[in-house]
Amino acid sequence: VLVVSYYTADKMPEPLSGGGKLYGFLV
């Protein structure tokens, strides 16, 4: 299956401490 993911955040994440919302799609 093809996995298409978008890692998002409201601001540029800091290295090693960032996080945010993940949008995932299966194709």
PDB file of all heavy atoms in Angstrom:
ATOM      1  N   VAL A   1       0.867  -1.174   0.000  1.00  0.00           N
ATOM      2  CA  VAL A   1       0.000   0.000   0.000  1.00  0.00           C
ATOM      3  C   VAL A   1       0.907   1.228   0.000  1.00  0.00           C
ATOM      4  O   VAL A   1       1.996   1.203   0.580  1.00  0.00           O
ATOM      5  CB  VAL A   1      -0.952  -0.005   1.225  1.00  0.00           C
ATOM      6  CG1 VAL A   1      -0.188   0.045   2.534  1.00  0.00           C
ATOM      7  CG2 VAL A   1      -1.970   1.110   1.147  1.00  0.00           C
ATOM      8  N   LEU A   2       0.484   2.275  -0.695  1.00  0.00           N
ATOM      9  CA  LEU A   2       1.239   3.529  -0.682  1.00  0.00           C
ATOM     10  C   LEU A   2       0.771   4.355   0.504  1.00  0.00           C
ATOM     11  O   LEU A   2      -0.431   4.528   0.718  1.00  0.00           O
ATOM     12  CB  LEU A   2       1.022   4.312  -1.971  1.00  0.00           C
ATOM     13  CG  LEU A   2       1.498   3.659  -3.259  1.00  0.00           C
ATOM     14  CD1 LEU A   2       1.169   4.546  -4.453  1.00  0.00           C
ATOM     15  CD2 LEU A   2       2.986   3.379  -3.194  1.00  0.00           C
ATOM     16  N   VAL A   3       1.726   4.857   1.266  1.00  0.00           N
ATOM     17  CA  VAL A   3       1.431   5.686   2.429  1.00  0.00           C
ATOM     18  C   VAL A   3       1.893   7.104   2.110  1.00  0.00           C
ATOM     19  O   VAL A   3       3.063   7.328   1.795  1.00  0.00           O
ATOM     20  CB  VAL A   3       2.151   5.157   3.685  1.00  0.00           C
ATOM     21  CG1 VAL A   3       1.837   6.040   4.889  1.00  0.00           C
ATOM     22  CG2 VAL A   3       1.770   3.707   3.950  1.00  0.00           C
ATOM     23  N   VAL A   4       0.966   8.041   2.188  1.00  0.00           N
ATOM     24  CA  VAL A   4       1.275   9.449   1.966  1.00  0.00           C
ATOM     25  C   VAL A   4       1.004  10.168   3.286  1.00  0.00           C
ATOM     26  O   VAL A   4      -0.126  10.172   3.772  1.00  0.00           O
ATOM     27  CB  VAL A   4       0.404  10.056   0.843  1.00  0.00           C
ATOM     28  CG1 VAL A   4       0.768  11.519   0.604  1.00  0.00           C
ATOM     29  CG2 VAL A   4       0.521   9.240  -0.435  1.00  0.00           C
ATOM     30  N   SER A   5       2.054  10.734   3.862  1.00  0.00           N
ATOM     31  CA  SER A   5       1.936  11.397   5.163  1.00  0.00           C
ATOM     32  C   SER A   5       2.333  12.859   5.045  1.00  0.00           C
ATOM     33  O   SER A   5       3.258  13.200   4.307  1.00  0.00           O
ATOM     34  CB  SER A   5       2.855  10.731   6.190  1.00  0.00           C
ATOM     35  OG  SER A   5       2.559   9.376   6.334  1.00  0.00           O
ATOM     36  N   TYR A   6       1.634  13.694   5.805  1.00  0.00           N
ATOM     37  CA  TYR A   6       1.978  15.112   5.906  1.00  0.00           C
ATOM     38  C   TYR A   6       2.158  15.436   7.386  1.00  0.00           C
ATOM     39  O   TYR A   6       1.231  15.302   8.175  1.00  0.00           O
ATOM     40  CB  TYR A   6       0.882  15.991   5.296  1.00  0.00           C
ATOM     41  CG  TYR A   6       0.820  15.867   3.805  1.00  0.00           C
ATOM     42  CD1 TYR A   6      -0.022  14.948   3.196  1.00  0.00           C
ATOM     43  CD2 TYR A   6       1.623  16.655   2.992  1.00  0.00           C
ATOM     44  CE1 TYR A   6      -0.066  14.814   1.822  1.00  0.00           C
ATOM     45  CE2 TYR A   6       1.587  16.529   1.606  1.00  0.00           C
ATOM     46  CZ  TYR A   6       0.742  15.607   1.042  1.00  0.00           C
ATOM     47  OH  TYR A   6       0.699  15.469  -0.330  1.00  0.00           O
ATOM     48  N   TYR A   7       3.381  15.832   7.731  1.00  0.00           N
ATOM     49  CA  TYR A   7       3.710  16.229   9.095  1.00  0.00           C
ATOM     50  C   TYR A   7       3.567  17.742   9.157  1.00  0.00           C
ATOM     51  O   TYR A   7       4.245  18.461   8.423  1.00  0.00           O
ATOM     52  CB  TYR A   7       5.145  15.820   9.433  1.00  0.00           C
ATOM     53  CG  TYR A   7       5.343  14.325   9.374  1.00  0.00           C
ATOM     54  CD1 TYR A   7       5.653  13.687   8.181  1.00  0.00           C
ATOM     55  CD2 TYR A   7       5.202  13.551  10.523  1.00  0.00           C
ATOM     56  CE1 TYR A   7       5.818  12.308   8.125  1.00  0.00           C
ATOM     57  CE2 TYR A   7       5.365  12.174  10.481  1.00  0.00           C
ATOM     58  CZ  TYR A   7       5.678  11.567   9.272  1.00  0.00           C
ATOM     59  OH  TYR A   7       5.838  10.204   9.224  1.00  0.00           O
ATOM     60  N   THR A   8       2.672  18.234  10.023  1.00  0.00           N
ATOM     61  CA  THR A   8       2.381  19.663  10.054  1.00  0.00           C
ATOM     62  C   THR A   8       2.582  20.230  11.454  1.00  0.00           C
ATOM     63  O   THR A   8       2.587  19.504  12.451  1.00  0.00           O
ATOM     64  CB  THR A   8       0.927  19.935   9.619  1.00  0.00           C
ATOM     65  OG1 THR A   8       0.033  19.408  10.597  1.00  0.00           O
ATOM     66  CG2 THR A   8       0.626  19.325   8.264  1.00  0.00           C
ATOM     67  N   ALA A   9       2.743  21.553  11.501  1.00  0.00           N
ATOM     68  CA  ALA A   9       2.831  22.273  12.773  1.00  0.00           C
ATOM     69  C   ALA A   9       2.466  23.731  12.504  1.00  0.00           C
ATOM     70  O   ALA A   9       2.535  24.209  11.366  1.00  0.00           O
ATOM     71  CB  ALA A   9       4.234  22.166  13.361  1.00  0.00           C
ATOM     72  N   ASP A  10       2.097  24.422  13.560  1.00  0.00           N
ATOM     73  CA  ASP A  10       1.717  25.828  13.442  1.00  0.00           C
ATOM     74  C   ASP A  10       2.928  26.750  13.300  1.00  0.00           C
ATOM     75  O   ASP A  10       2.788  27.912  12.945  1.00  0.00           O
ATOM     76  CB  ASP A  10       0.868  26.255  14.636  1.00  0.00           C
ATOM     77  CG  ASP A  10      -0.479  25.551  14.645  1.00  0.00           C
ATOM     78  OD1 ASP A  10      -0.977  25.221  13.553  1.00  0.00           O
ATOM     79  OD2 ASP A  10      -1.022  25.330  15.731  1.00  0.00           O
ATOM     80  N   LYS A  11       4.118  26.229  13.632  1.00  0.00           N
ATOM     81  CA  LYS A  11       5.359  26.974  13.434  1.00  0.00           C
ATOM     82  C   LYS A  11       6.458  25.965  13.125  1.00  0.00           C
ATOM     83  O   LYS A  11       6.279  24.759  13.325  1.00  0.00           O
ATOM     84  CB  LYS A  11       5.723  27.801  14.668  1.00  0.00           C
ATOM     85  CG  LYS A  11       5.975  26.974  15.905  1.00  0.00           C
ATOM     86  CD  LYS A  11       6.342  27.848  17.074  1.00  0.00           C
ATOM     87  CE  LYS A  11       6.680  26.947  18.264  1.00  0.00           C
ATOM     88  NZ  LYS A  11       7.238  27.684  19.352  1.00  0.00           N
ATOM     89  N   MET A  12       7.591  26.437  12.639  1.00  0.00           N
ATOM     90  CA  MET A  12       8.701  25.552  12.320  1.00  0.00           C
ATOM     91  C   MET A  12       9.115  24.808  13.594  1.00  0.00           C
ATOM     92  O   MET A  12       9.417  25.425  14.605  1.00  0.00           O
ATOM     93  CB  MET A  12       9.877  26.364  11.774  1.00  0.00           C
ATOM     94  CG  MET A  12      10.984  25.491  11.292  1.00  0.00           C
ATOM     95  SD  MET A  12      10.483  24.484   9.909  1.00  0.00           S
ATOM     96  CE  MET A  12      11.309  25.292   8.601  1.00  0.00           C
ATOM     97  N   PRO A  13       9.087  23.468  13.572  1.00  0.00           N
ATOM     98  CA  PRO A  13       9.413  22.717  14.785  1.00  0.00           C
ATOM     99  C   PRO A  13      10.891  22.827  15.164  1.00  0.00           C
ATOM    100  O   PRO A  13      11.757  22.927  14.299  1.00  0.00           O
ATOM    101  CB  PRO A  13       9.057  21.273  14.441  1.00  0.00           C
ATOM    102  CG  PRO A  13       8.714  21.247  13.011  1.00  0.00           C
ATOM    103  CD  PRO A  13       8.688  22.628  12.479  1.00  0.00           C
ATOM    104  N   GLU A  14      11.147  22.805  16.466  1.00  0.00           N
ATOM    105  CA  GLU A  14      12.517  22.802  16.978  1.00  0.00           C
ATOM    106  C   GLU A  14      13.095  21.401  16.799  1.00  0.00           C
ATOM    107  O   GLU A  14      12.393  20.405  16.985  1.00  0.00           O
ATOM    108  CB  GLU A  14      12.530  23.171  18.470  1.00  0.00           C
ATOM    109  CG  GLU A  14      12.064  24.584  18.752  1.00  0.00           C
ATOM    110  CD  GLU A  14      13.018  25.626  18.204  1.00  0.00           C
ATOM    111  OE1 GLU A  14      14.242  25.391  18.211  1.00  0.00           O
ATOM    112  OE2 GLU A  14      12.525  26.671  17.756  1.00  0.00           O
ATOM    113  N   PRO A  15      14.389  21.306  16.451  1.00  0.00           N
ATOM    114  CA  PRO A  15      15.004  19.976  16.315  1.00  0.00           C
ATOM    115  C   PRO A  15      14.902  19.185  17.620  1.00  0.00           C
ATOM    116  O   PRO A  15      15.125  19.729  18.698  1.00  0.00           O
ATOM    117  CB  PRO A  15      16.464  20.288  15.984  1.00  0.00           C
ATOM    118  CG  PRO A  15      16.457  21.692  15.480  1.00  0.00           C
ATOM    119  CD  PRO A  15      15.311  22.385  16.157  1.00  0.00           C
ATOM    120  N   LEU A  16      14.533  17.947  17.513  1.00  0.00           N
ATOM    121  CA  LEU A  16      14.434  16.999  18.626  1.00  0.00           C
ATOM    122  C   LEU A  16      13.372  17.329  19.666  1.00  0.00           C
ATOM    123  O   LEU A  16      13.265  16.656  20.676  1.00  0.00           O
ATOM    124  CB  LEU A  16      15.794  16.845  19.324  1.00  0.00           C
ATOM    125  CG  LEU A  16      16.947  16.417  18.410  1.00  0.00           C
ATOM    126  CD1 LEU A  16      18.234  16.374  19.192  1.00  0.00           C
ATOM    127  CD2 LEU A  16      16.661  15.076  17.779  1.00  0.00           C
ATOM    128  N   SER A  17      12.588  18.374  19.458  1.00  0.00           N
ATOM    129  CA  SER A  17      11.534  18.666  20.427  1.00  0.00           C
ATOM    130  C   SER A  17      10.244  19.129  19.754  1.00  0.00           C
ATOM    131  O   SER A  17       9.337  19.583  20.427  1.00  0.00           O
ATOM    132  CB  SER A  17      12.006  19.740  21.413  1.00  0.00           C
ATOM    133  OG  SER A  17      12.210  20.969  20.744  1.00  0.00           O
ATOM    134  N   GLY A  18      10.171  19.011  18.453  1.00  0.00           N
ATOM    135  CA  GLY A  18       8.987  19.468  17.738  1.00  0.00           C
ATOM    136  C   GLY A  18       7.879  18.438  17.734  1.00  0.00           C
ATOM    137  O   GLY A  18       8.040  17.297  18.153  1.00  0.00           O
ATOM    138  N   GLY A  19       6.758  18.866  17.263  1.00  0.00           N
ATOM    139  CA  GLY A  19       5.606  17.986  17.142  1.00  0.00           C
ATOM    140  C   GLY A  19       4.473  18.722  16.465  1.00  0.00           C
ATOM    141  O   GLY A  19       4.544  19.918  16.222  1.00  0.00           O
ATOM    142  N   GLY A  20       3.446  17.990  16.160  1.00  0.00           N
ATOM    143  CA  GLY A  20       2.300  18.611  15.518  1.00  0.00           C
ATOM    144  C   GLY A  20       1.296  17.574  15.076  1.00  0.00           C
ATOM    145  O   GLY A  20       1.231  16.468  15.612  1.00  0.00           O
ATOM    146  N   LYS A  21       0.548  17.931  14.074  1.00  0.00           N
ATOM    147  CA  LYS A  21      -0.516  17.073  13.565  1.00  0.00           C
ATOM    148  C   LYS A  21      -0.013  16.287  12.356  1.00  0.00           C
ATOM    149  O   LYS A  21       0.708  16.822  11.519  1.00  0.00           O
ATOM    150  CB  LYS A  21      -1.704  17.939  13.170  1.00  0.00           C
ATOM    151  CG  LYS A  21      -3.010  17.202  13.082  1.00  0.00           C
ATOM    152  CD  LYS A  21      -4.159  18.192  13.001  1.00  0.00           C
ATOM    153  CE  LYS A  21      -5.468  17.490  13.142  1.00  0.00           C
ATOM    154  NZ  LYS A  21      -6.604  18.416  13.086  1.00  0.00           N
ATOM    155  N   LEU A  22      -0.397  15.031  12.292  1.00  0.00           N
ATOM    156  CA  LEU A  22      -0.028  14.143  11.190  1.00  0.00           C
ATOM    157  C   LEU A  22      -1.290  13.810  10.399  1.00  0.00           C
ATOM    158  O   LEU A  22      -2.308  13.419  10.975  1.00  0.00           O
ATOM    159  CB  LEU A  22       0.599  12.856  11.717  1.00  0.00           C
ATOM    160  CG  LEU A  22       0.808  11.730  10.720  1.00  0.00           C
ATOM    161  CD1 LEU A  22       1.869  12.133   9.702  1.00  0.00           C
ATOM    162  CD2 LEU A  22       1.211  10.451  11.418  1.00  0.00           C
ATOM    163  N   TYR A  23      -1.209  13.977   9.097  1.00  0.00           N
ATOM    164  CA  TYR A  23      -2.296  13.594   8.194  1.00  0.00           C
ATOM    165  C   TYR A  23      -1.780  12.421   7.377  1.00  0.00           C
ATOM    166  O   TYR A  23      -0.742  12.530   6.727  1.00  0.00           O
ATOM    167  CB  TYR A  23      -2.677  14.752   7.280  1.00  0.00           C
ATOM    168  CG  TYR A  23      -3.220  15.951   8.017  1.00  0.00           C
ATOM    169  CD1 TYR A  23      -2.368  16.904   8.560  1.00  0.00           C
ATOM    170  CD2 TYR A  23      -4.584  16.117   8.179  1.00  0.00           C
ATOM    171  CE1 TYR A  23      -2.868  17.998   9.248  1.00  0.00           C
ATOM    172  CE2 TYR A  23      -5.099  17.199   8.865  1.00  0.00           C
ATOM    173  CZ  TYR A  23      -4.228  18.146   9.396  1.00  0.00           C
ATOM    174  OH  TYR A  23      -4.731  19.222  10.079  1.00  0.00           O
ATOM    175  N   GLY A  24      -2.499  11.307   7.417  1.00  0.00           N
ATOM    176  CA  GLY A  24      -2.063  10.116   6.709  1.00  0.00           C
ATOM    177  C   GLY A  24      -3.102   9.630   5.725  1.00  0.00           C
ATOM    178  O   GLY A  24      -4.311   9.678   5.987  1.00  0.00           O
ATOM    179  N   PHE A  25      -2.620   9.158   4.572  1.00  0.00           N
ATOM    180  CA  PHE A  25      -3.483   8.674   3.512  1.00  0.00           C
ATOM    181  C   PHE A  25      -2.946   7.343   3.002  1.00  0.00           C
ATOM    182  O   PHE A  25      -1.734   7.187   2.848  1.00  0.00           O
ATOM    183  CB  PHE A  25      -3.507   9.677   2.348  1.00  0.00           C
ATOM    184  CG  PHE A  25      -3.941  11.061   2.742  1.00  0.00           C
ATOM    185  CD1 PHE A  25      -3.012  11.987   3.204  1.00  0.00           C
ATOM    186  CD2 PHE A  25      -5.271  11.435   2.667  1.00  0.00           C
ATOM    187  CE1 PHE A  25      -3.404  13.267   3.570  1.00  0.00           C
ATOM    188  CE2 PHE A  25      -5.673  12.709   3.031  1.00  0.00           C
ATOM    189  CZ  PHE A  25      -4.740  13.627   3.495  1.00  0.00           C
ATOM    190  N   LEU A  26      -3.834   6.406   2.737  1.00  0.00           N
ATOM    191  CA  LEU A  26      -3.459   5.122   2.153  1.00  0.00           C
ATOM    192  C   LEU A  26      -4.007   5.078   0.731  1.00  0.00           C
ATOM    193  O   LEU A  26      -5.197   5.322   0.503  1.00  0.00           O
ATOM    194  CB  LEU A  26      -4.028   3.962   2.973  1.00  0.00           C
ATOM    195  CG  LEU A  26      -3.557   3.891   4.427  1.00  0.00           C
ATOM    196  CD1 LEU A  26      -4.223   2.721   5.148  1.00  0.00           C
ATOM    197  CD2 LEU A  26      -2.041   3.769   4.504  1.00  0.00           C
ATOM    198  N   VAL A  27      -3.112   4.772  -0.208  1.00  0.00           N
ATOM    199  CA  VAL A  27      -3.455   4.792  -1.638  1.00  0.00           C
ATOM    200  C   VAL A  27      -3.137   3.427  -2.234  1.00  0.00           C
ATOM    201  O   VAL A  27      -2.089   2.838  -1.941  1.00  0.00           O
ATOM    202  CB  VAL A  27      -2.647   5.905  -2.364  1.00  0.00           C
ATOM    203  CG1 VAL A  27      -2.941   5.911  -3.856  1.00  0.00           C
ATOM    204  CG2 VAL A  27      -2.949   7.268  -1.752  1.00  0.00           C
TER     205      VAL A  27
END
